[in-house]
Amino acid sequence: MKKYTDEELKEFEAIINSKLIQAEESFNRSCKDLNDMDPDIKSFDDNAEQMMTKENLTRMASRQEKAVKELKAAMMRVKNKTYGVCLVTGELIPKDRLNAIPQAMTTINAGR
């Protein structure tokens, strides 16, 4: 089975680490914003607006939490030297795909 070199894995590790920091910061910011929401509702209009904001923040936090988990899993694959190998086909995932989506676990054609 073909694998990426240690040098290539270090490059991917830097990309993953950068994306992970961004995702964690975004997740923490969304959680803080949710916690900072005013629990005192003054009118029906305030309530509706606050509920929409809370739903949007909750969705955003959920997406960021998922991204953090996926990026941490990608980092483990780097450390195990299995990063970049498609889980379906066993082929190398193209570098362009991994640069764009560092947590990718399959090639684009794997599901076809």
Protein backbone atom coordinates (compact mmCIF):
# COMPACT_ATOMS: atom_id res chain seq x y z
CA MET A 1 0.00 0.00 0.00
CA LYS A 2 1.31 3.41 -0.95
CA LYS A 3 1.58 6.03 1.79
CA TYR A 4 2.66 9.63 2.11
CA THR A 5 6.25 10.24 3.21
CA ASP A 6 7.14 11.49 6.69
CA GLU A 7 7.94 14.90 5.18
CA GLU A 8 4.54 15.06 3.46
CA LEU A 9 2.83 13.97 6.69
CA LYS A 10 4.54 16.84 8.53
CA GLU A 11 3.14 19.28 5.97
CA PHE A 12 -0.34 17.82 6.41
CA GLU A 13 0.06 17.92 10.19
CA ALA A 14 0.72 21.68 10.02
CA ILE A 15 -2.41 22.19 7.89
CA ILE A 16 -4.53 20.07 10.22
CA ASN A 17 -3.17 21.86 13.28
CA SER A 18 -3.99 25.25 11.81
CA LYS A 19 -7.54 24.17 10.90
CA LEU A 20 -7.96 22.57 14.34
CA ILE A 21 -7.02 25.79 16.13
CA GLN A 22 -9.52 27.72 14.01
CA ALA A 23 -12.29 25.18 14.61
CA GLU A 24 -11.66 25.10 18.38
CA GLU A 25 -11.67 28.91 18.58
CA SER A 26 -14.91 29.09 16.61
CA PHE A 27 -16.51 26.38 18.77
CA ASN A 28 -15.46 28.14 21.99
CA ARG A 29 -16.73 31.48 20.68
CA SER A 30 -20.12 29.95 19.78
CA CYS A 31 -20.40 28.31 23.21
CA LYS A 32 -19.51 31.60 24.92
CA ASP A 33 -22.10 33.46 22.83
CA LEU A 34 -24.72 30.88 23.79
CA ASN A 35 -23.86 31.21 27.47
CA ASP A 36 -23.90 35.01 27.26
CA MET A 37 -27.42 35.16 25.84
CA ASP A 38 -29.82 37.18 27.97
CA PRO A 39 -32.19 34.82 29.78
CA ASP A 40 -34.67 37.67 30.45
CA ILE A 41 -37.11 37.93 27.59
CA LYS A 42 -38.95 41.22 27.40
CA SER A 43 -41.45 40.64 24.58
CA PHE A 44 -42.62 38.07 22.06
CA ASP A 45 -40.50 39.72 19.33
CA ASP A 46 -37.41 39.60 21.52
CA ASN A 47 -38.14 35.95 22.26
CA ALA A 48 -38.48 35.01 18.57
CA GLU A 49 -35.29 36.80 17.62
CA GLN A 50 -33.39 35.31 20.55
CA MET A 51 -34.66 31.81 19.72
CA MET A 52 -33.48 32.14 16.10
CA THR A 53 -30.09 33.40 17.26
CA LYS A 54 -29.82 30.55 19.76
CA GLU A 55 -30.73 27.97 17.10
CA ASN A 56 -28.13 29.39 14.70
CA LEU A 57 -25.44 29.43 17.39
CA THR A 58 -26.32 25.88 18.43
CA ARG A 59 -26.05 24.64 14.82
CA MET A 60 -22.76 26.47 14.35
CA ALA A 61 -21.35 25.05 17.59
CA SER A 62 -22.44 21.56 16.59
CA ARG A 63 -20.73 21.83 13.18
CA GLN A 64 -17.56 23.15 14.78
CA GLU A 65 -17.58 20.40 17.40
CA LYS A 66 -17.87 17.82 14.61
CA ALA A 67 -15.00 19.49 12.71
CA VAL A 68 -12.81 19.44 15.85
CA LYS A 69 -13.45 15.70 16.32
CA GLU A 70 -12.73 14.96 12.66
CA LEU A 71 -9.54 17.01 12.67
CA LYS A 72 -8.33 15.30 15.86
CA ALA A 73 -9.00 11.93 14.21
CA ALA A 74 -7.02 13.11 11.15
CA MET A 75 -4.14 14.08 13.46
CA MET A 76 -4.19 10.54 14.92
CA ARG A 77 -4.00 9.12 11.38
CA VAL A 78 -0.95 11.33 10.74
CA LYS A 79 0.71 10.02 13.89
CA ASN A 80 -0.18 6.42 12.88
CA LYS A 81 1.11 7.14 9.35
CA THR A 82 -2.20 6.06 7.81
CA TYR A 83 -3.26 9.61 6.90
CA GLY A 84 -4.25 10.18 3.30
CA VAL A 85 -5.15 6.56 2.55
CA CYS A 86 -8.75 6.11 1.40
CA LEU A 87 -10.71 3.94 3.82
CA VAL A 88 -12.74 2.47 0.96
CA THR A 89 -10.30 1.95 -1.90
CA GLY A 90 -6.94 1.92 -0.13
CA GLU A 91 -5.64 4.47 -2.66
CA LEU A 92 -3.92 7.70 -1.74
CA ILE A 93 -6.29 10.62 -1.41
CA PRO A 94 -5.00 13.37 -3.73
CA LYS A 95 -3.04 16.15 -2.03
CA ASP A 96 -5.35 18.82 -3.47
CA ARG A 97 -8.31 17.18 -1.72
CA LEU A 98 -6.43 16.86 1.58
CA ASN A 99 -5.27 20.48 1.40
CA ALA A 100 -8.88 21.61 0.93
CA ILE A 101 -10.46 19.10 3.35
CA PRO A 102 -7.72 17.83 5.66
CA GLN A 103 -10.11 15.55 7.54
CA ALA A 104 -11.13 13.69 4.34
CA MET A 105 -11.02 9.92 4.75
CA THR A 106 -11.96 8.86 1.24
CA THR A 107 -11.25 9.75 -2.37
CA ILE A 108 -14.01 11.47 -4.31
CA ASN A 109 -14.61 8.30 -6.33
CA ALA A 110 -14.85 5.99 -3.29
CA GLY A 111 -18.62 6.25 -3.08
CA ARG A 112 -19.27 5.59 -6.76
